[in-house]
Amino acid sequence: MSDVVKKSFGTPDKTMDQVEKMKMDIVKVGGLELPRATAEPGWKWSVHIKPIAKTDICQIEHIIYMVSGSLAILDNKGQETDFVAGEVGHIPPGHDGWTIGNENAVWIDIPH
C-alpha cells in the first residue's frame, strides 16, 4: 500500500522553459508526470514550437484542464475552438494553438 502524496506546482519537480513565451512546470505524482503549461500573450505553437517539433502542426493528443486565461485551437479541419478557465477539453493530433488576449493561458495537460 502506498502513502498519500501531496505536490505543488509552486515547487515543481522540474521546469522546462527553453521555449520563448512558454514554460512547463512538472510535478511527479502517482507514477505520472503532470505538466502545467503557462503560455504568455503572443505565444503560438506554429511560431514557438514548430521549429523544435519539426512538424507543421502539433501531432500530440492532449486532454487539458484550463486553469486561467484563454487558449485557441485550430484543428486540421479548419475549426477553431477557444478554451477558458474551468473548461476541460480533448484536442486530437493535428492542430495549432495560441494564447488569446493579454493574460497568460495556463492549463494542465492530463496524461492518458
PDB file of N, CA and C in Angstrom:
ATOM      1  N   MET A   1       0.848  -1.180   0.000  1.00  0.00           N
ATOM      2  CA  MET A   1       0.000   0.000   0.000  1.00  0.00           C
ATOM      3  C   MET A   1       0.890   1.239   0.000  1.00  0.00           C
ATOM      4  N   SER A   2       0.538   2.196  -0.812  1.00  0.00           N
ATOM      5  CA  SER A   2       1.357   3.398  -0.913  1.00  0.00           C
ATOM      6  C   SER A   2       0.841   4.503  -0.007  1.00  0.00           C
ATOM      7  N   ASP A   3       1.676   5.508   0.181  1.00  0.00           N
ATOM      8  CA  ASP A   3       1.329   6.653   1.009  1.00  0.00           C
ATOM      9  C   ASP A   3       0.655   7.734   0.186  1.00  0.00           C
ATOM     10  N   VAL A   4      -0.090   8.585   0.870  1.00  0.00           N
ATOM     11  CA  VAL A   4      -0.650   9.770   0.227  1.00  0.00           C
ATOM     12  C   VAL A   4       0.506  10.682  -0.153  1.00  0.00           C
ATOM     13  N   VAL A   5       0.444  11.239  -1.342  1.00  0.00           N
ATOM     14  CA  VAL A   5       1.484  12.148  -1.829  1.00  0.00           C
ATOM     15  C   VAL A   5       0.830  13.478  -2.156  1.00  0.00           C
ATOM     16  N   LYS A   6       1.464  14.542  -1.726  1.00  0.00           N
ATOM     17  CA  LYS A   6       0.966  15.890  -1.990  1.00  0.00           C
ATOM     18  C   LYS A   6       2.078  16.689  -2.647  1.00  0.00           C
ATOM     19  N   LYS A   7       1.759  17.325  -3.775  1.00  0.00           N
ATOM     20  CA  LYS A   7       2.739  18.119  -4.503  1.00  0.00           C
ATOM     21  C   LYS A   7       2.135  19.484  -4.811  1.00  0.00           C
ATOM     22  N   SER A   8       2.990  20.421  -5.218  1.00  0.00           N
ATOM     23  CA  SER A   8       2.542  21.758  -5.575  1.00  0.00           C
ATOM     24  C   SER A   8       3.267  22.215  -6.832  1.00  0.00           C
ATOM     25  N   PHE A   9       2.511  22.848  -7.742  1.00  0.00           N
ATOM     26  CA  PHE A   9       3.160  23.444  -8.906  1.00  0.00           C
ATOM     27  C   PHE A   9       4.016  24.643  -8.494  1.00  0.00           C
ATOM     28  N   GLY A  10       3.824  25.139  -7.263  1.00  0.00           N
ATOM     29  CA  GLY A  10       4.660  26.220  -6.745  1.00  0.00           C
ATOM     30  C   GLY A  10       6.098  25.778  -6.527  1.00  0.00           C
ATOM     31  N   THR A  11       6.290  24.487  -6.298  1.00  0.00           N
ATOM     32  CA  THR A  11       7.619  23.890  -6.168  1.00  0.00           C
ATOM     33  C   THR A  11       7.662  22.633  -7.029  1.00  0.00           C
ATOM     34  N   PRO A  12       7.699  22.805  -8.351  1.00  0.00           N
ATOM     35  CA  PRO A  12       7.651  21.649  -9.251  1.00  0.00           C
ATOM     36  C   PRO A  12       8.900  20.789  -9.160  1.00  0.00           C
ATOM     37  N   ASP A  13       8.770  19.542  -9.582  1.00  0.00           N
ATOM     38  CA  ASP A  13       9.926  18.649  -9.653  1.00  0.00           C
ATOM     39  C   ASP A  13      10.852  19.037 -10.797  1.00  0.00           C
ATOM     40  N   LYS A  14      10.275  19.647 -11.838  1.00  0.00           N
ATOM     41  CA  LYS A  14      11.066  20.031 -13.000  1.00  0.00           C
ATOM     42  C   LYS A  14      10.368  21.209 -13.683  1.00  0.00           C
ATOM     43  N   THR A  15      11.153  22.128 -14.234  1.00  0.00           N
ATOM     44  CA  THR A  15      10.618  23.231 -15.032  1.00  0.00           C
ATOM     45  C   THR A  15      11.336  23.237 -16.372  1.00  0.00           C
ATOM     46  N   MET A  16      10.535  23.305 -17.438  1.00  0.00           N
ATOM     47  CA  MET A  16      11.079  23.401 -18.790  1.00  0.00           C
ATOM     48  C   MET A  16      10.709  24.786 -19.312  1.00  0.00           C
ATOM     49  N   ASP A  17      11.728  25.599 -19.602  1.00  0.00           N
ATOM     50  CA  ASP A  17      11.462  26.968 -20.051  1.00  0.00           C
ATOM     51  C   ASP A  17      12.384  27.379 -21.199  1.00  0.00           C
ATOM     52  N   GLN A  18      12.707  26.405 -22.059  1.00  0.00           N
ATOM     53  CA  GLN A  18      13.600  26.685 -23.176  1.00  0.00           C
ATOM     54  C   GLN A  18      12.878  27.348 -24.342  1.00  0.00           C
ATOM     55  N   VAL A  19      11.550  27.299 -24.353  1.00  0.00           N
ATOM     56  CA  VAL A  19      10.764  27.851 -25.454  1.00  0.00           C
ATOM     57  C   VAL A  19      10.339  29.273 -25.100  1.00  0.00           C
ATOM     58  N   GLU A  20      10.552  30.202 -26.030  1.00  0.00           N
ATOM     59  CA  GLU A  20      10.151  31.587 -25.813  1.00  0.00           C
ATOM     60  C   GLU A  20       8.655  31.666 -25.529  1.00  0.00           C
ATOM     61  N   LYS A  21       8.293  32.452 -24.533  1.00  0.00           N
ATOM     62  CA  LYS A  21       6.910  32.745 -24.151  1.00  0.00           C
ATOM     63  C   LYS A  21       6.164  31.566 -23.544  1.00  0.00           C
ATOM     64  N   MET A  22       6.866  30.490 -23.164  1.00  0.00           N
ATOM     65  CA  MET A  22       6.184  29.336 -22.568  1.00  0.00           C
ATOM     66  C   MET A  22       7.084  28.641 -21.567  1.00  0.00           C
ATOM     67  N   LYS A  23       6.444  28.127 -20.522  1.00  0.00           N
ATOM     68  CA  LYS A  23       7.173  27.247 -19.610  1.00  0.00           C
ATOM     69  C   LYS A  23       6.236  26.138 -19.159  1.00  0.00           C
ATOM     70  N   MET A  24       6.842  25.021 -18.775  1.00  0.00           N
ATOM     71  CA  MET A  24       6.109  23.873 -18.258  1.00  0.00           C
ATOM     72  C   MET A  24       6.678  23.535 -16.898  1.00  0.00           C
ATOM     73  N   ASP A  25       5.806  23.573 -15.893  1.00  0.00           N
ATOM     74  CA  ASP A  25       6.168  23.091 -14.567  1.00  0.00           C
ATOM     75  C   ASP A  25       5.612  21.685 -14.451  1.00  0.00           C
ATOM     76  N   ILE A  26       6.449  20.755 -14.015  1.00  0.00           N
ATOM     77  CA  ILE A  26       6.052  19.350 -13.964  1.00  0.00           C
ATOM     78  C   ILE A  26       6.182  18.836 -12.539  1.00  0.00           C
ATOM     79  N   VAL A  27       5.105  18.206 -12.061  1.00  0.00           N
ATOM     80  CA  VAL A  27       5.152  17.514 -10.779  1.00  0.00           C
ATOM     81  C   VAL A  27       4.996  16.021 -11.058  1.00  0.00           C
ATOM     82  N   LYS A  28       5.717  15.224 -10.289  1.00  0.00           N
ATOM     83  CA  LYS A  28       5.645  13.767 -10.417  1.00  0.00           C
ATOM     84  C   LYS A  28       4.810  13.251  -9.254  1.00  0.00           C
ATOM     85  N   VAL A  29       3.728  12.552  -9.611  1.00  0.00           N
ATOM     86  CA  VAL A  29       2.822  12.054  -8.578  1.00  0.00           C
ATOM     87  C   VAL A  29       2.099  10.805  -9.095  1.00  0.00           C
ATOM     88  N   GLY A  30       1.986   9.799  -8.257  1.00  0.00           N
ATOM     89  CA  GLY A  30       1.275   8.583  -8.635  1.00  0.00           C
ATOM     90  C   GLY A  30       1.839   7.900  -9.863  1.00  0.00           C
ATOM     91  N   GLY A  31       3.143   8.006 -10.071  1.00  0.00           N
ATOM     92  CA  GLY A  31       3.770   7.388 -11.230  1.00  0.00           C
ATOM     93  C   GLY A  31       3.602   8.182 -12.521  1.00  0.00           C
ATOM     94  N   LEU A  32       2.999   9.357 -12.442  1.00  0.00           N
ATOM     95  CA  LEU A  32       2.781  10.199 -13.617  1.00  0.00           C
ATOM     96  C   LEU A  32       3.569  11.491 -13.510  1.00  0.00           C
ATOM     97  N   GLU A  33       3.889  12.062 -14.666  1.00  0.00           N
ATOM     98  CA  GLU A  33       4.405  13.422 -14.720  1.00  0.00           C
ATOM     99  C   GLU A  33       3.249  14.293 -15.175  1.00  0.00           C
ATOM    100  N   LEU A  34       2.846  15.233 -14.332  1.00  0.00           N
ATOM    101  CA  LEU A  34       1.699  16.099 -14.607  1.00  0.00           C
ATOM    102  C   LEU A  34       2.212  17.494 -14.940  1.00  0.00           C
ATOM    103  N   PRO A  35       2.119  17.921 -16.225  1.00  0.00           N
ATOM    104  CA  PRO A  35       2.630  19.230 -16.609  1.00  0.00           C
ATOM    105  C   PRO A  35       1.574  20.334 -16.528  1.00  0.00           C
ATOM    106  N   ARG A  36       2.015  21.486 -16.047  1.00  0.00           N
ATOM    107  CA  ARG A  36       1.214  22.713 -16.098  1.00  0.00           C
ATOM    108  C   ARG A  36       1.922  23.649 -17.066  1.00  0.00           C
ATOM    109  N   ALA A  37       1.219  23.978 -18.158  1.00  0.00           N
ATOM    110  CA  ALA A  37       1.780  24.871 -19.175  1.00  0.00           C
ATOM    111  C   ALA A  37       1.348  26.300 -18.890  1.00  0.00           C
ATOM    112  N   THR A  38       2.270  27.225 -19.039  1.00  0.00           N
ATOM    113  CA  THR A  38       1.981  28.656 -18.954  1.00  0.00           C
ATOM    114  C   THR A  38       2.480  29.291 -20.237  1.00  0.00           C
ATOM    115  N   ALA A  39       1.522  29.801 -21.030  1.00  0.00           N
ATOM    116  CA  ALA A  39       1.860  30.429 -22.311  1.00  0.00           C
ATOM    117  C   ALA A  39       1.541  31.916 -22.217  1.00  0.00           C
ATOM    118  N   GLU A  40       2.533  32.741 -22.450  1.00  0.00           N
ATOM    119  CA  GLU A  40       2.386  34.193 -22.347  1.00  0.00           C
ATOM    120  C   GLU A  40       1.595  34.748 -23.537  1.00  0.00           C
ATOM    121  N   PRO A  41       1.062  35.954 -23.391  1.00  0.00           N
ATOM    122  CA  PRO A  41       0.430  36.608 -24.538  1.00  0.00           C
ATOM    123  C   PRO A  41       1.407  36.639 -25.718  1.00  0.00           C
ATOM    124  N   GLY A  42       0.898  36.348 -26.902  1.00  0.00           N
ATOM    125  CA  GLY A  42       1.741  36.307 -28.090  1.00  0.00           C
ATOM    126  C   GLY A  42       2.306  34.944 -28.414  1.00  0.00           C
ATOM    127  N   TRP A  43       2.143  33.961 -27.495  1.00  0.00           N
ATOM    128  CA  TRP A  43       2.633  32.616 -27.771  1.00  0.00           C
ATOM    129  C   TRP A  43       1.755  31.943 -28.815  1.00  0.00           C
ATOM    130  N   LYS A  44       2.411  31.234 -29.742  1.00  0.00           N
ATOM    131  CA  LYS A  44       1.697  30.451 -30.748  1.00  0.00           C
ATOM    132  C   LYS A  44       2.532  29.216 -31.071  1.00  0.00           C
ATOM    133  N   TRP A  45       1.864  28.047 -31.077  1.00  0.00           N
ATOM    134  CA  TRP A  45       2.566  26.794 -31.329  1.00  0.00           C
ATOM    135  C   TRP A  45       3.363  26.858 -32.628  1.00  0.00           C
ATOM    136  N   SER A  46       2.713  27.311 -33.715  1.00  0.00           N
ATOM    137  CA  SER A  46       3.355  27.305 -35.031  1.00  0.00           C
ATOM    138  C   SER A  46       4.527  28.278 -35.134  1.00  0.00           C
ATOM    139  N   VAL A  47       4.655  29.201 -34.219  1.00  0.00           N
ATOM    140  CA  VAL A  47       5.778  30.139 -34.210  1.00  0.00           C
ATOM    141  C   VAL A  47       6.871  29.665 -33.246  1.00  0.00           C
ATOM    142  N   HIS A  48       6.473  29.237 -32.044  1.00  0.00           N
ATOM    143  CA  HIS A  48       7.442  28.961 -30.989  1.00  0.00           C
ATOM    144  C   HIS A  48       7.823  27.489 -30.823  1.00  0.00           C
ATOM    145  N   ILE A  49       6.941  26.562 -31.187  1.00  0.00           N
ATOM    146  CA  ILE A  49       7.234  25.131 -31.002  1.00  0.00           C
ATOM    147  C   ILE A  49       7.580  24.439 -32.320  1.00  0.00           C
ATOM    148  N   LYS A  50       6.950  24.865 -33.398  1.00  0.00           N
ATOM    149  CA  LYS A  50       7.150  24.231 -34.712  1.00  0.00           C
ATOM    150  C   LYS A  50       8.621  24.048 -35.077  1.00  0.00           C
ATOM    151  N   PRO A  51       9.482  25.054 -34.871  1.00  0.00           N
ATOM    152  CA  PRO A  51      10.896  24.853 -35.234  1.00  0.00           C
ATOM    153  C   PRO A  51      11.575  23.745 -34.423  1.00  0.00           C
ATOM    154  N   ILE A  52      11.081  23.501 -33.222  1.00  0.00           N
ATOM    155  CA  ILE A  52      11.654  22.450 -32.379  1.00  0.00           C
ATOM    156  C   ILE A  52      11.051  21.097 -32.734  1.00  0.00           C
ATOM    157  N   ALA A  53       9.709  21.060 -32.905  1.00  0.00           N
ATOM    158  CA  ALA A  53       9.000  19.819 -33.206  1.00  0.00           C
ATOM    159  C   ALA A  53       9.289  19.324 -34.619  1.00  0.00           C
ATOM    160  N   LYS A  54       9.603  20.260 -35.517  1.00  0.00           N
ATOM    161  CA  LYS A  54       9.877  19.944 -36.923  1.00  0.00           C
ATOM    162  C   LYS A  54       8.679  19.275 -37.611  1.00  0.00           C
ATOM    163  N   THR A  55       7.472  19.679 -37.202  1.00  0.00           N
ATOM    164  CA  THR A  55       6.240  19.287 -37.880  1.00  0.00           C
ATOM    165  C   THR A  55       5.449  20.562 -38.127  1.00  0.00           C
ATOM    166  N   ASP A  56       4.589  20.549 -39.137  1.00  0.00           N
ATOM    167  CA  ASP A  56       3.820  21.751 -39.467  1.00  0.00           C
ATOM    168  C   ASP A  56       2.770  22.089 -38.410  1.00  0.00           C
ATOM    169  N   ILE A  57       2.203  21.051 -37.785  1.00  0.00           N
ATOM    170  CA  ILE A  57       1.203  21.239 -36.739  1.00  0.00           C
ATOM    171  C   ILE A  57       1.510  20.271 -35.600  1.00  0.00           C
ATOM    172  N   CYS A  58       0.937  20.542 -34.429  1.00  0.00           N
ATOM    173  CA  CYS A  58       1.181  19.687 -33.265  1.00  0.00           C
ATOM    174  C   CYS A  58       0.592  18.303 -33.516  1.00  0.00           C
ATOM    175  N   GLN A  59       1.390  17.273 -33.311  1.00  0.00           N
ATOM    176  CA  GLN A  59       0.963  15.901 -33.548  1.00  0.00           C
ATOM    177  C   GLN A  59       0.679  15.143 -32.250  1.00  0.00           C
ATOM    178  N   ILE A  60       0.556  15.880 -31.151  1.00  0.00           N
ATOM    179  CA  ILE A  60       0.307  15.250 -29.850  1.00  0.00           C
ATOM    180  C   ILE A  60      -1.165  15.395 -29.485  1.00  0.00           C
ATOM    181  N   GLU A  61      -1.740  14.326 -28.964  1.00  0.00           N
ATOM    182  CA  GLU A  61      -3.106  14.367 -28.435  1.00  0.00           C
ATOM    183  C   GLU A  61      -3.056  14.916 -27.015  1.00  0.00           C
ATOM    184  N   HIS A  62      -3.969  15.830 -26.690  1.00  0.00           N
ATOM    185  CA  HIS A  62      -3.999  16.434 -25.358  1.00  0.00           C
ATOM    186  C   HIS A  62      -5.374  16.288 -24.733  1.00  0.00           C
ATOM    187  N   ILE A  63      -5.378  16.106 -23.438  1.00  0.00           N
ATOM    188  CA  ILE A  63      -6.564  16.320 -22.620  1.00  0.00           C
ATOM    189  C   ILE A  63      -6.145  17.412 -21.648  1.00  0.00           C
ATOM    190  N   ILE A  64      -6.873  18.534 -21.672  1.00  0.00           N
ATOM    191  CA  ILE A  64      -6.446  19.685 -20.879  1.00  0.00           C
ATOM    192  C   ILE A  64      -7.531  20.132 -19.908  1.00  0.00           C
ATOM    193  N   TYR A  65      -7.060  20.748 -18.830  1.00  0.00           N
ATOM    194  CA  TYR A  65      -7.927  21.488 -17.911  1.00  0.00           C
ATOM    195  C   TYR A  65      -7.377  22.909 -17.866  1.00  0.00           C
ATOM    196  N   MET A  66      -8.198  23.876 -18.271  1.00  0.00           N
ATOM    197  CA  MET A  66      -7.769  25.279 -18.284  1.00  0.00           C
ATOM    198  C   MET A  66      -7.842  25.862 -16.872  1.00  0.00           C
ATOM    199  N   VAL A  67      -6.718  26.343 -16.391  1.00  0.00           N
ATOM    200  CA  VAL A  67      -6.628  26.940 -15.060  1.00  0.00           C
ATOM    201  C   VAL A  67      -6.987  28.424 -15.114  1.00  0.00           C
ATOM    202  N   SER A  68      -6.417  29.136 -16.091  1.00  0.00           N
ATOM    203  CA  SER A  68      -6.696  30.570 -16.233  1.00  0.00           C
ATOM    204  C   SER A  68      -6.371  31.011 -17.652  1.00  0.00           C
ATOM    205  N   GLY A  69      -6.890  32.180 -18.004  1.00  0.00           N
ATOM    206  CA  GLY A  69      -6.643  32.722 -19.333  1.00  0.00           C
ATOM    207  C   GLY A  69      -7.459  32.011 -20.397  1.00  0.00           C
ATOM    208  N   SER A  70      -7.067  32.229 -21.645  1.00  0.00           N
ATOM    209  CA  SER A  70      -7.778  31.662 -22.787  1.00  0.00           C
ATOM    210  C   SER A  70      -6.794  31.102 -23.804  1.00  0.00           C
ATOM    211  N   LEU A  71      -7.177  29.979 -24.396  1.00  0.00           N
ATOM    212  CA  LEU A  71      -6.355  29.287 -25.380  1.00  0.00           C
ATOM    213  C   LEU A  71      -7.214  28.982 -26.600  1.00  0.00           C
ATOM    214  N   ALA A  72      -6.705  29.281 -27.796  1.00  0.00           N
ATOM    215  CA  ALA A  72      -7.400  28.948 -29.041  1.00  0.00           C
ATOM    216  C   ALA A  72      -6.706  27.760 -29.693  1.00  0.00           C
ATOM    217  N   ILE A  73      -7.512  26.871 -30.264  1.00  0.00           N
ATOM    218  CA  ILE A  73      -7.004  25.720 -31.001  1.00  0.00           C
ATOM    219  C   ILE A  73      -7.609  25.752 -32.395  1.00  0.00           C
ATOM    220  N   LEU A  74      -6.781  25.571 -33.413  1.00  0.00           N
ATOM    221  CA  LEU A  74      -7.247  25.448 -34.789  1.00  0.00           C
ATOM    222  C   LEU A  74      -6.903  24.040 -35.242  1.00  0.00           C
ATOM    223  N   ASP A  75      -7.952  23.218 -35.482  1.00  0.00           N
ATOM    224  CA  ASP A  75      -7.671  21.833 -35.869  1.00  0.00           C
ATOM    225  C   ASP A  75      -7.381  21.728 -37.361  1.00  0.00           C
ATOM    226  N   ASN A  76      -6.974  20.542 -37.784  1.00  0.00           N
ATOM    227  CA  ASN A  76      -6.572  20.357 -39.183  1.00  0.00           C
ATOM    228  C   ASN A  76      -7.753  20.371 -40.147  1.00  0.00           C
ATOM    229  N   LYS A  77      -8.974  20.505 -39.629  1.00  0.00           N
ATOM    230  CA  LYS A  77     -10.164  20.653 -40.473  1.00  0.00           C
ATOM    231  C   LYS A  77     -10.567  22.122 -40.608  1.00  0.00           C
ATOM    232  N   GLY A  78      -9.810  23.012 -39.935  1.00  0.00           N
ATOM    233  CA  GLY A  78     -10.088  24.439 -40.018  1.00  0.00           C
ATOM    234  C   GLY A  78     -11.052  24.953 -38.971  1.00  0.00           C
ATOM    235  N   GLN A  79     -11.410  24.111 -37.995  1.00  0.00           N
ATOM    236  CA  GLN A  79     -12.329  24.543 -36.929  1.00  0.00           C
ATOM    237  C   GLN A  79     -11.535  25.129 -35.765  1.00  0.00           C
ATOM    238  N   GLU A  80     -11.928  26.330 -35.335  1.00  0.00           N
ATOM    239  CA  GLU A  80     -11.287  26.976 -34.193  1.00  0.00           C
ATOM    240  C   GLU A  80     -12.152  26.779 -32.955  1.00  0.00           C
ATOM    241  N   THR A  81     -11.513  26.403 -31.854  1.00  0.00           N
ATOM    242  CA  THR A  81     -12.185  26.215 -30.573  1.00  0.00           C
ATOM    243  C   THR A  81     -11.408  26.981 -29.516  1.00  0.00           C
ATOM    244  N   ASP A  82     -12.109  27.767 -28.710  1.00  0.00           N
ATOM    245  CA  ASP A  82     -11.481  28.517 -27.619  1.00  0.00           C
ATOM    246  C   ASP A  82     -11.780  27.834 -26.298  1.00  0.00           C
ATOM    247  N   PHE A  83     -10.784  27.779 -25.433  1.00  0.00           N
ATOM    248  CA  PHE A  83     -10.918  27.226 -24.090  1.00  0.00           C
ATOM    249  C   PHE A  83     -10.642  28.330 -23.076  1.00  0.00           C
ATOM    250  N   VAL A  84     -11.453  28.388 -22.020  1.00  0.00           N
ATOM    251  CA  VAL A  84     -11.273  29.368 -20.947  1.00  0.00           C
ATOM    252  C   VAL A  84     -11.206  28.649 -19.613  1.00  0.00           C
ATOM    253  N   ALA A  85     -10.823  29.376 -18.579  1.00  0.00           N
ATOM    254  CA  ALA A  85     -10.646  28.822 -17.237  1.00  0.00           C
ATOM    255  C   ALA A  85     -11.860  27.998 -16.822  1.00  0.00           C
ATOM    256  N   GLY A  86     -11.579  26.828 -16.255  1.00  0.00           N
ATOM    257  CA  GLY A  86     -12.623  25.940 -15.761  1.00  0.00           C
ATOM    258  C   GLY A  86     -13.088  24.913 -16.769  1.00  0.00           C
ATOM    259  N   GLU A  87     -12.666  25.050 -18.020  1.00  0.00           N
ATOM    260  CA  GLU A  87     -13.098  24.105 -19.049  1.00  0.00           C
ATOM    261  C   GLU A  87     -12.088  22.965 -19.212  1.00  0.00           C
ATOM    262  N   VAL A  88     -12.622  21.811 -19.623  1.00  0.00           N
ATOM    263  CA  VAL A  88     -11.827  20.622 -19.904  1.00  0.00           C
ATOM    264  C   VAL A  88     -11.992  20.327 -21.381  1.00  0.00           C
ATOM    265  N   GLY A  89     -10.939  19.888 -22.039  1.00  0.00           N
ATOM    266  CA  GLY A  89     -11.054  19.610 -23.458  1.00  0.00           C
ATOM    267  C   GLY A  89     -10.164  18.484 -23.927  1.00  0.00           C
ATOM    268  N   HIS A  90     -10.576  17.899 -25.048  1.00  0.00           N
ATOM    269  CA  HIS A  90      -9.780  16.893 -25.755  1.00  0.00           C
ATOM    270  C   HIS A  90      -9.346  17.519 -27.075  1.00  0.00           C
ATOM    271  N   ILE A  91      -8.057  17.498 -27.335  1.00  0.00           N
ATOM    272  CA  ILE A  91      -7.500  18.070 -28.556  1.00  0.00           C
ATOM    273  C   ILE A  91      -6.762  16.956 -29.287  1.00  0.00           C
ATOM    274  N   PRO A  92      -7.322  16.475 -30.397  1.00  0.00           N
ATOM    275  CA  PRO A  92      -6.652  15.395 -31.125  1.00  0.00           C
ATOM    276  C   PRO A  92      -5.391  15.884 -31.835  1.00  0.00           C
ATOM    277  N   PRO A  93      -4.528  14.966 -32.251  1.00  0.00           N
ATOM    278  CA  PRO A  93      -3.340  15.359 -33.006  1.00  0.00           C
ATOM    279  C   PRO A  93      -3.750  16.127 -34.264  1.00  0.00           C
ATOM    280  N   GLY A  94      -2.915  17.058 -34.682  1.00  0.00           N
ATOM    281  CA  GLY A  94      -3.154  17.827 -35.895  1.00  0.00           C
ATOM    282  C   GLY A  94      -3.798  19.164 -35.601  1.00  0.00           C
ATOM    283  N   HIS A  95      -3.082  20.029 -34.888  1.00  0.00           N
ATOM    284  CA  HIS A  95      -3.659  21.325 -34.508  1.00  0.00           C
ATOM    285  C   HIS A  95      -2.561  22.369 -34.304  1.00  0.00           C
ATOM    286  N   ASP A  96      -2.980  23.621 -34.305  1.00  0.00           N
ATOM    287  CA  ASP A  96      -2.153  24.750 -33.894  1.00  0.00           C
ATOM    288  C   ASP A  96      -2.837  25.324 -32.656  1.00  0.00           C
ATOM    289  N   GLY A  97      -2.134  26.089 -31.874  1.00  0.00           N
ATOM    290  CA  GLY A  97      -2.729  26.696 -30.691  1.00  0.00           C
ATOM    291  C   GLY A  97      -2.030  27.992 -30.344  1.00  0.00           C
ATOM    292  N   TRP A  98      -2.772  28.908 -29.684  1.00  0.00           N
ATOM    293  CA  TRP A  98      -2.191  30.180 -29.294  1.00  0.00           C
ATOM    294  C   TRP A  98      -2.941  30.783 -28.117  1.00  0.00           C
ATOM    295  N   THR A  99      -2.254  31.662 -27.427  1.00  0.00           N
ATOM    296  CA  THR A  99      -2.830  32.402 -26.312  1.00  0.00           C
ATOM    297  C   THR A  99      -3.736  33.502 -26.862  1.00  0.00           C
ATOM    298  N   ILE A 100      -4.909  33.636 -26.258  1.00  0.00           N
ATOM    299  CA  ILE A 100      -5.842  34.696 -26.623  1.00  0.00           C
ATOM    300  C   ILE A 100      -5.717  35.824 -25.602  1.00  0.00           C
ATOM    301  N   GLY A 101      -5.623  37.052 -26.073  1.00  0.00           N
ATOM    302  CA  GLY A 101      -5.662  38.213 -25.188  1.00  0.00           C
ATOM    303  C   GLY A 101      -4.348  38.541 -24.520  1.00  0.00           C
ATOM    304  N   ASN A 102      -4.441  39.331 -23.448  1.00  0.00           N
ATOM    305  CA  ASN A 102      -3.265  39.872 -22.757  1.00  0.00           C
ATOM    306  C   ASN A 102      -2.969  39.197 -21.431  1.00  0.00           C
ATOM    307  N   GLU A 103      -3.546  38.029 -21.201  1.00  0.00           N
ATOM    308  CA  GLU A 103      -3.332  37.283 -19.963  1.00  0.00           C
ATOM    309  C   GLU A 103      -2.676  35.950 -20.312  1.00  0.00           C
ATOM    310  N   ASN A 104      -1.816  35.455 -19.432  1.00  0.00           N
ATOM    311  CA  ASN A 104      -1.242  34.132 -19.643  1.00  0.00           C
ATOM    312  C   ASN A 104      -2.352  33.093 -19.759  1.00  0.00           C
ATOM    313  N   ALA A 105      -2.161  32.132 -20.649  1.00  0.00           N
ATOM    314  CA  ALA A 105      -3.028  30.951 -20.715  1.00  0.00           C
ATOM    315  C   ALA A 105      -2.323  29.860 -19.913  1.00  0.00           C
ATOM    316  N   VAL A 106      -3.023  29.314 -18.927  1.00  0.00           N
ATOM    317  CA  VAL A 106      -2.434  28.287 -18.064  1.00  0.00           C
ATOM    318  C   VAL A 106      -3.344  27.071 -18.099  1.00  0.00           C
ATOM    319  N   TRP A 107      -2.744  25.908 -18.403  1.00  0.00           N
ATOM    320  CA  TRP A 107      -3.530  24.685 -18.429  1.00  0.00           C
ATOM    321  C   TRP A 107      -2.711  23.504 -17.917  1.00  0.00           C
ATOM    322  N   ILE A 108      -3.450  22.516 -17.437  1.00  0.00           N
ATOM    323  CA  ILE A 108      -2.866  21.248 -17.018  1.00  0.00           C
ATOM    324  C   ILE A 108      -3.060  20.278 -18.179  1.00  0.00           C
ATOM    325  N   ASP A 109      -1.990  19.657 -18.625  1.00  0.00           N
ATOM    326  CA  ASP A 109      -2.063  18.648 -19.684  1.00  0.00           C
ATOM    327  C   ASP A 109      -2.139  17.288 -18.981  1.00  0.00           C
ATOM    328  N   ILE A 110      -3.295  16.679 -19.043  1.00  0.00           N
ATOM    329  CA  ILE A 110      -3.562  15.461 -18.267  1.00  0.00           C
ATOM    330  C   ILE A 110      -3.048  14.236 -19.015  1.00  0.00           C
ATOM    331  N   PRO A 111      -2.105  13.502 -18.404  1.00  0.00           N
ATOM    332  CA  PRO A 111      -1.581  12.286 -19.055  1.00  0.00           C
ATOM    333  C   PRO A 111      -2.703  11.252 -19.204  1.00  0.00           C
ATOM    334  N   HIS A 112      -2.655  10.536 -20.297  1.00  0.00           N
ATOM    335  CA  HIS A 112      -3.667   9.477 -20.509  1.00  0.00           C
ATOM    336  C   HIS A 112      -3.075   8.309 -21.263  1.00  0.00           C
TER     337      HIS A 112
END
